[in-house]
Amino acid sequence: MVTGDGALGAEEFSPYCRMIAAVGMWDLPGTWWDQLAVGGLLVVPLRWRGLSRSSAFRREKDRMTSESVKMCGFLAVIGQDGERNDYIDDDRPVWLYWDEDQPIESS
């Protein structure tokens, strides 16, 4: 087991034939691409438009191909750029999550 920033991976043990993320990601870190062996499988819950989808990717030499996509629920990773959130009213009981490319202004 390695502890630390998961977006950095663990280069010292790469290349990996299998990688599984257990936290919702907004995008795939470039380090994961670098550390996944050609032919390797990456399973990651990707968040877009506020929903998580568990996606399985197979790495080919110059691209990733998706082998499966299923709706799922995972906590979002902390600190990854690309996703915004804020309270939707002054009482603050409800959060709104949105992707950075959506033109939403919080109150």
N, C-alpha and C. Protein backbone atom coordinates (compact mmCIF):
# COMPACT_ATOMS: atom_id res chain seq x y z
N MET A 1 0.85 -1.17 0.00
CA MET A 1 0.00 0.00 0.00
C MET A 1 0.89 1.23 0.00
N VAL A 2 0.46 2.22 -0.77
CA VAL A 2 1.17 3.49 -0.84
C VAL A 2 0.21 4.58 -0.41
N THR A 3 0.64 5.47 0.46
CA THR A 3 -0.20 6.60 0.84
C THR A 3 0.37 7.87 0.22
N GLY A 4 -0.50 8.79 -0.10
CA GLY A 4 -0.07 10.05 -0.70
C GLY A 4 -1.12 10.55 -1.67
N ASP A 5 -0.74 11.49 -2.49
CA ASP A 5 -1.64 12.06 -3.49
C ASP A 5 -1.86 11.05 -4.60
N GLY A 6 -3.07 10.49 -4.67
CA GLY A 6 -3.37 9.45 -5.65
C GLY A 6 -3.24 9.91 -7.08
N ALA A 7 -3.41 11.20 -7.34
CA ALA A 7 -3.29 11.71 -8.70
C ALA A 7 -1.86 11.57 -9.22
N LEU A 8 -0.90 11.43 -8.31
CA LEU A 8 0.50 11.26 -8.72
C LEU A 8 0.84 9.81 -9.01
N GLY A 9 -0.05 8.89 -8.58
CA GLY A 9 0.24 7.47 -8.77
C GLY A 9 1.41 7.04 -7.90
N ALA A 10 2.08 6.00 -8.33
CA ALA A 10 3.27 5.51 -7.63
C ALA A 10 4.25 5.00 -8.69
N GLU A 11 4.95 5.93 -9.28
CA GLU A 11 5.83 5.64 -10.41
C GLU A 11 6.86 4.56 -10.09
N GLU A 12 7.29 4.50 -8.85
CA GLU A 12 8.34 3.54 -8.48
C GLU A 12 7.92 2.08 -8.65
N PHE A 13 6.61 1.81 -8.74
CA PHE A 13 6.13 0.45 -8.92
C PHE A 13 5.54 0.20 -10.31
N SER A 14 5.59 1.19 -11.17
CA SER A 14 4.98 1.06 -12.50
C SER A 14 5.92 0.36 -13.47
N PRO A 15 5.40 -0.15 -14.57
CA PRO A 15 4.05 0.02 -15.11
C PRO A 15 3.09 -0.98 -14.48
N TYR A 16 1.82 -0.58 -14.42
CA TYR A 16 0.77 -1.40 -13.83
C TYR A 16 -0.06 -2.07 -14.92
N CYS A 17 -0.47 -3.29 -14.67
CA CYS A 17 -1.37 -3.97 -15.61
C CYS A 17 -2.83 -3.71 -15.23
N ARG A 18 -3.08 -3.30 -13.98
CA ARG A 18 -4.43 -2.97 -13.52
C ARG A 18 -4.34 -1.79 -12.56
N MET A 19 -5.27 -0.85 -12.72
CA MET A 19 -5.38 0.29 -11.81
C MET A 19 -6.86 0.49 -11.52
N ILE A 20 -7.21 0.68 -10.24
CA ILE A 20 -8.59 0.91 -9.84
C ILE A 20 -8.63 2.13 -8.92
N ALA A 21 -9.46 3.10 -9.28
CA ALA A 21 -9.64 4.28 -8.43
C ALA A 21 -10.91 4.09 -7.61
N ALA A 22 -10.85 4.45 -6.35
CA ALA A 22 -12.01 4.31 -5.46
C ALA A 22 -12.53 5.67 -5.02
N VAL A 23 -12.31 6.68 -5.86
CA VAL A 23 -12.80 8.03 -5.61
C VAL A 23 -13.19 8.64 -6.95
N GLY A 24 -14.29 9.41 -6.96
CA GLY A 24 -14.75 10.00 -8.21
C GLY A 24 -13.79 11.05 -8.75
N MET A 25 -13.40 10.92 -9.99
CA MET A 25 -12.46 11.84 -10.63
C MET A 25 -13.16 12.67 -11.68
N TRP A 26 -12.74 13.92 -11.84
CA TRP A 26 -13.29 14.77 -12.88
C TRP A 26 -12.58 14.52 -14.20
N ASP A 27 -11.32 14.11 -14.14
CA ASP A 27 -10.52 13.82 -15.32
C ASP A 27 -9.46 12.80 -14.93
N LEU A 28 -8.83 12.20 -15.92
CA LEU A 28 -7.75 11.24 -15.64
C LEU A 28 -6.42 11.97 -15.55
N PRO A 29 -5.71 11.82 -14.43
CA PRO A 29 -4.39 12.44 -14.33
C PRO A 29 -3.43 11.86 -15.37
N GLY A 30 -2.61 12.71 -15.94
CA GLY A 30 -1.63 12.26 -16.92
C GLY A 30 -0.67 11.23 -16.37
N THR A 31 -0.40 11.29 -15.07
CA THR A 31 0.51 10.32 -14.47
C THR A 31 -0.04 8.91 -14.55
N TRP A 32 -1.38 8.77 -14.51
CA TRP A 32 -1.97 7.43 -14.61
C TRP A 32 -1.74 6.86 -16.00
N TRP A 33 -1.86 7.69 -17.02
CA TRP A 33 -1.59 7.26 -18.40
C TRP A 33 -0.14 6.76 -18.48
N ASP A 34 0.78 7.55 -17.93
CA ASP A 34 2.19 7.19 -17.98
C ASP A 34 2.51 5.90 -17.24
N GLN A 35 1.77 5.61 -16.17
CA GLN A 35 2.08 4.46 -15.33
C GLN A 35 1.30 3.20 -15.68
N LEU A 36 0.32 3.30 -16.56
CA LEU A 36 -0.46 2.14 -16.98
C LEU A 36 0.21 1.48 -18.18
N ALA A 37 0.47 0.20 -18.09
CA ALA A 37 1.13 -0.53 -19.18
C ALA A 37 0.23 -0.61 -20.41
N VAL A 38 0.82 -0.65 -21.58
CA VAL A 38 0.04 -0.89 -22.80
C VAL A 38 -0.66 -2.24 -22.63
N GLY A 39 -1.96 -2.27 -22.88
CA GLY A 39 -2.77 -3.46 -22.65
C GLY A 39 -3.38 -3.49 -21.26
N GLY A 40 -2.96 -2.56 -20.38
CA GLY A 40 -3.46 -2.52 -19.01
C GLY A 40 -4.87 -1.98 -18.93
N LEU A 41 -5.53 -2.26 -17.81
CA LEU A 41 -6.92 -1.88 -17.57
C LEU A 41 -7.00 -0.86 -16.44
N LEU A 42 -7.73 0.22 -16.68
CA LEU A 42 -7.96 1.25 -15.68
C LEU A 42 -9.46 1.34 -15.43
N VAL A 43 -9.88 1.20 -14.16
CA VAL A 43 -11.28 1.35 -13.78
C VAL A 43 -11.36 2.55 -12.87
N VAL A 44 -12.21 3.52 -13.25
CA VAL A 44 -12.28 4.78 -12.50
C VAL A 44 -13.70 5.35 -12.56
N PRO A 45 -14.22 5.84 -11.42
CA PRO A 45 -15.50 6.55 -11.46
C PRO A 45 -15.25 7.98 -11.95
N LEU A 46 -15.70 8.28 -13.16
CA LEU A 46 -15.55 9.62 -13.72
C LEU A 46 -16.82 10.41 -13.49
N ARG A 47 -16.64 11.65 -13.05
CA ARG A 47 -17.78 12.54 -12.80
C ARG A 47 -17.91 13.52 -13.95
N TRP A 48 -19.08 13.54 -14.58
CA TRP A 48 -19.37 14.62 -15.52
C TRP A 48 -20.83 14.96 -15.44
N ARG A 49 -21.07 16.25 -15.52
CA ARG A 49 -22.42 16.79 -15.37
C ARG A 49 -23.07 16.35 -14.06
N GLY A 50 -22.24 16.25 -12.99
CA GLY A 50 -22.75 15.96 -11.67
C GLY A 50 -23.03 14.51 -11.34
N LEU A 51 -22.80 13.60 -12.29
CA LEU A 51 -23.04 12.18 -12.07
C LEU A 51 -21.76 11.39 -12.23
N SER A 52 -21.65 10.31 -11.48
CA SER A 52 -20.47 9.44 -11.60
C SER A 52 -20.82 8.23 -12.46
N ARG A 53 -19.89 7.87 -13.30
CA ARG A 53 -20.01 6.67 -14.13
C ARG A 53 -18.72 5.88 -13.98
N SER A 54 -18.85 4.64 -13.57
CA SER A 54 -17.68 3.78 -13.48
C SER A 54 -17.28 3.38 -14.90
N SER A 55 -16.09 3.77 -15.28
CA SER A 55 -15.62 3.53 -16.64
C SER A 55 -14.40 2.61 -16.61
N ALA A 56 -14.41 1.63 -17.50
CA ALA A 56 -13.26 0.73 -17.64
C ALA A 56 -12.56 1.06 -18.96
N PHE A 57 -11.28 1.38 -18.87
CA PHE A 57 -10.49 1.73 -20.05
C PHE A 57 -9.37 0.73 -20.26
N ARG A 58 -9.12 0.39 -21.49
CA ARG A 58 -7.97 -0.43 -21.86
C ARG A 58 -6.97 0.50 -22.55
N ARG A 59 -5.73 0.48 -22.08
CA ARG A 59 -4.72 1.33 -22.71
C ARG A 59 -4.17 0.65 -23.95
N GLU A 60 -4.23 1.38 -25.04
CA GLU A 60 -3.54 0.99 -26.26
C GLU A 60 -2.31 1.88 -26.37
N LYS A 61 -1.51 1.69 -27.37
CA LYS A 61 -0.26 2.44 -27.47
C LYS A 61 -0.47 3.95 -27.40
N ASP A 62 -1.44 4.47 -28.16
CA ASP A 62 -1.60 5.91 -28.25
C ASP A 62 -2.99 6.41 -27.85
N ARG A 63 -3.80 5.55 -27.21
CA ARG A 63 -5.14 5.97 -26.79
C ARG A 63 -5.69 5.01 -25.75
N MET A 64 -6.79 5.44 -25.12
CA MET A 64 -7.55 4.59 -24.21
C MET A 64 -8.87 4.26 -24.90
N THR A 65 -9.31 3.03 -24.78
CA THR A 65 -10.63 2.66 -25.30
C THR A 65 -11.48 2.20 -24.12
N SER A 66 -12.75 2.59 -24.14
CA SER A 66 -13.65 2.24 -23.06
C SER A 66 -14.22 0.85 -23.30
N GLU A 67 -14.20 0.03 -22.26
CA GLU A 67 -14.76 -1.32 -22.34
C GLU A 67 -16.11 -1.41 -21.65
N SER A 68 -16.42 -0.44 -20.78
CA SER A 68 -17.66 -0.50 -20.01
C SER A 68 -17.91 0.84 -19.34
N VAL A 69 -19.18 1.24 -19.24
CA VAL A 69 -19.57 2.44 -18.50
C VAL A 69 -20.86 2.12 -17.75
N LYS A 70 -20.84 2.31 -16.44
CA LYS A 70 -22.02 2.04 -15.60
C LYS A 70 -22.21 3.20 -14.63
N MET A 71 -23.47 3.59 -14.40
CA MET A 71 -23.76 4.62 -13.40
C MET A 71 -23.35 4.10 -12.03
N CYS A 72 -22.84 5.01 -11.20
CA CYS A 72 -22.40 4.60 -9.86
C CYS A 72 -22.41 5.82 -8.94
N GLY A 73 -22.05 5.62 -7.71
CA GLY A 73 -21.95 6.72 -6.76
C GLY A 73 -20.65 6.63 -5.98
N PHE A 74 -19.84 7.66 -6.05
CA PHE A 74 -18.58 7.72 -5.33
C PHE A 74 -18.38 9.14 -4.81
N LEU A 75 -17.66 9.30 -3.73
CA LEU A 75 -17.27 10.62 -3.28
C LEU A 75 -16.28 11.20 -4.27
N ALA A 76 -16.37 12.51 -4.49
CA ALA A 76 -15.44 13.18 -5.40
C ALA A 76 -14.08 13.33 -4.74
N VAL A 77 -13.04 13.27 -5.54
CA VAL A 77 -11.69 13.50 -5.05
C VAL A 77 -11.59 14.95 -4.58
N ILE A 78 -10.80 15.19 -3.56
CA ILE A 78 -10.62 16.54 -3.02
C ILE A 78 -9.51 17.24 -3.79
N GLY A 79 -9.79 18.48 -4.21
CA GLY A 79 -8.74 19.31 -4.79
C GLY A 79 -8.53 19.19 -6.28
N GLN A 80 -9.27 18.36 -7.00
CA GLN A 80 -9.06 18.25 -8.44
C GLN A 80 -9.78 19.39 -9.14
N ASP A 81 -9.09 20.07 -10.03
CA ASP A 81 -9.70 21.16 -10.79
C ASP A 81 -10.76 20.61 -11.73
N GLY A 82 -11.70 21.49 -12.11
CA GLY A 82 -12.69 21.11 -13.11
C GLY A 82 -14.10 21.04 -12.59
N GLU A 83 -14.27 20.83 -11.31
CA GLU A 83 -15.62 20.75 -10.77
C GLU A 83 -15.80 21.87 -9.74
N ARG A 84 -16.96 22.49 -9.79
CA ARG A 84 -17.27 23.58 -8.87
C ARG A 84 -18.40 23.16 -7.95
N ASN A 85 -18.50 23.81 -6.78
CA ASN A 85 -19.62 23.54 -5.88
C ASN A 85 -19.87 24.77 -5.01
N ASP A 86 -21.11 24.91 -4.59
CA ASP A 86 -21.49 26.01 -3.70
C ASP A 86 -22.88 25.70 -3.16
N TYR A 87 -23.26 26.41 -2.09
CA TYR A 87 -24.61 26.29 -1.54
C TYR A 87 -25.59 26.96 -2.50
N ILE A 88 -26.84 26.45 -2.53
CA ILE A 88 -27.82 27.02 -3.45
C ILE A 88 -28.71 28.07 -2.80
N ASP A 89 -28.65 28.20 -1.47
CA ASP A 89 -29.44 29.23 -0.80
C ASP A 89 -28.75 29.66 0.49
N ASP A 90 -29.30 30.69 1.10
CA ASP A 90 -28.67 31.25 2.30
C ASP A 90 -28.73 30.32 3.51
N ASP A 91 -29.73 29.42 3.58
CA ASP A 91 -29.83 28.50 4.72
C ASP A 91 -28.76 27.42 4.69
N ARG A 92 -28.17 27.16 3.52
CA ARG A 92 -27.05 26.25 3.31
C ARG A 92 -27.31 24.78 3.59
N PRO A 93 -28.53 24.27 3.38
CA PRO A 93 -28.71 22.83 3.60
C PRO A 93 -28.36 21.98 2.37
N VAL A 94 -28.25 22.61 1.19
CA VAL A 94 -28.07 21.84 -0.04
C VAL A 94 -26.92 22.41 -0.86
N TRP A 95 -26.07 21.51 -1.34
CA TRP A 95 -24.95 21.89 -2.22
C TRP A 95 -25.34 21.64 -3.67
N LEU A 96 -24.74 22.42 -4.57
CA LEU A 96 -24.87 22.21 -6.01
C LEU A 96 -23.47 21.96 -6.56
N TYR A 97 -23.33 20.91 -7.36
CA TYR A 97 -22.06 20.60 -8.01
C TYR A 97 -22.23 20.80 -9.51
N TRP A 98 -21.24 21.38 -10.17
CA TRP A 98 -21.30 21.55 -11.62
C TRP A 98 -19.89 21.55 -12.20
N ASP A 99 -19.80 21.23 -13.48
CA ASP A 99 -18.51 21.23 -14.17
C ASP A 99 -18.12 22.66 -14.51
N GLU A 100 -16.81 22.93 -14.55
CA GLU A 100 -16.35 24.29 -14.75
C GLU A 100 -16.76 24.89 -16.09
N ASP A 101 -17.07 24.05 -17.07
CA ASP A 101 -17.47 24.58 -18.37
C ASP A 101 -18.95 24.92 -18.45
N GLN A 102 -19.70 24.75 -17.36
CA GLN A 102 -21.11 25.12 -17.33
C GLN A 102 -21.23 26.54 -16.76
N PRO A 103 -21.93 27.44 -17.47
CA PRO A 103 -22.03 28.83 -17.03
C PRO A 103 -23.06 29.02 -15.91
N ILE A 104 -22.70 28.62 -14.70
CA ILE A 104 -23.59 28.72 -13.55
C ILE A 104 -22.98 29.67 -12.54
N GLU A 105 -23.77 30.61 -12.06
CA GLU A 105 -23.31 31.53 -11.04
C GLU A 105 -24.02 31.18 -9.73
N SER A 106 -23.25 31.00 -8.68
CA SER A 106 -23.86 30.72 -7.37
C SER A 106 -24.26 32.04 -6.72
N SER A 107 -25.21 31.96 -5.79
CA SER A 107 -25.70 33.19 -5.14
C SER A 107 -24.82 33.59 -3.99
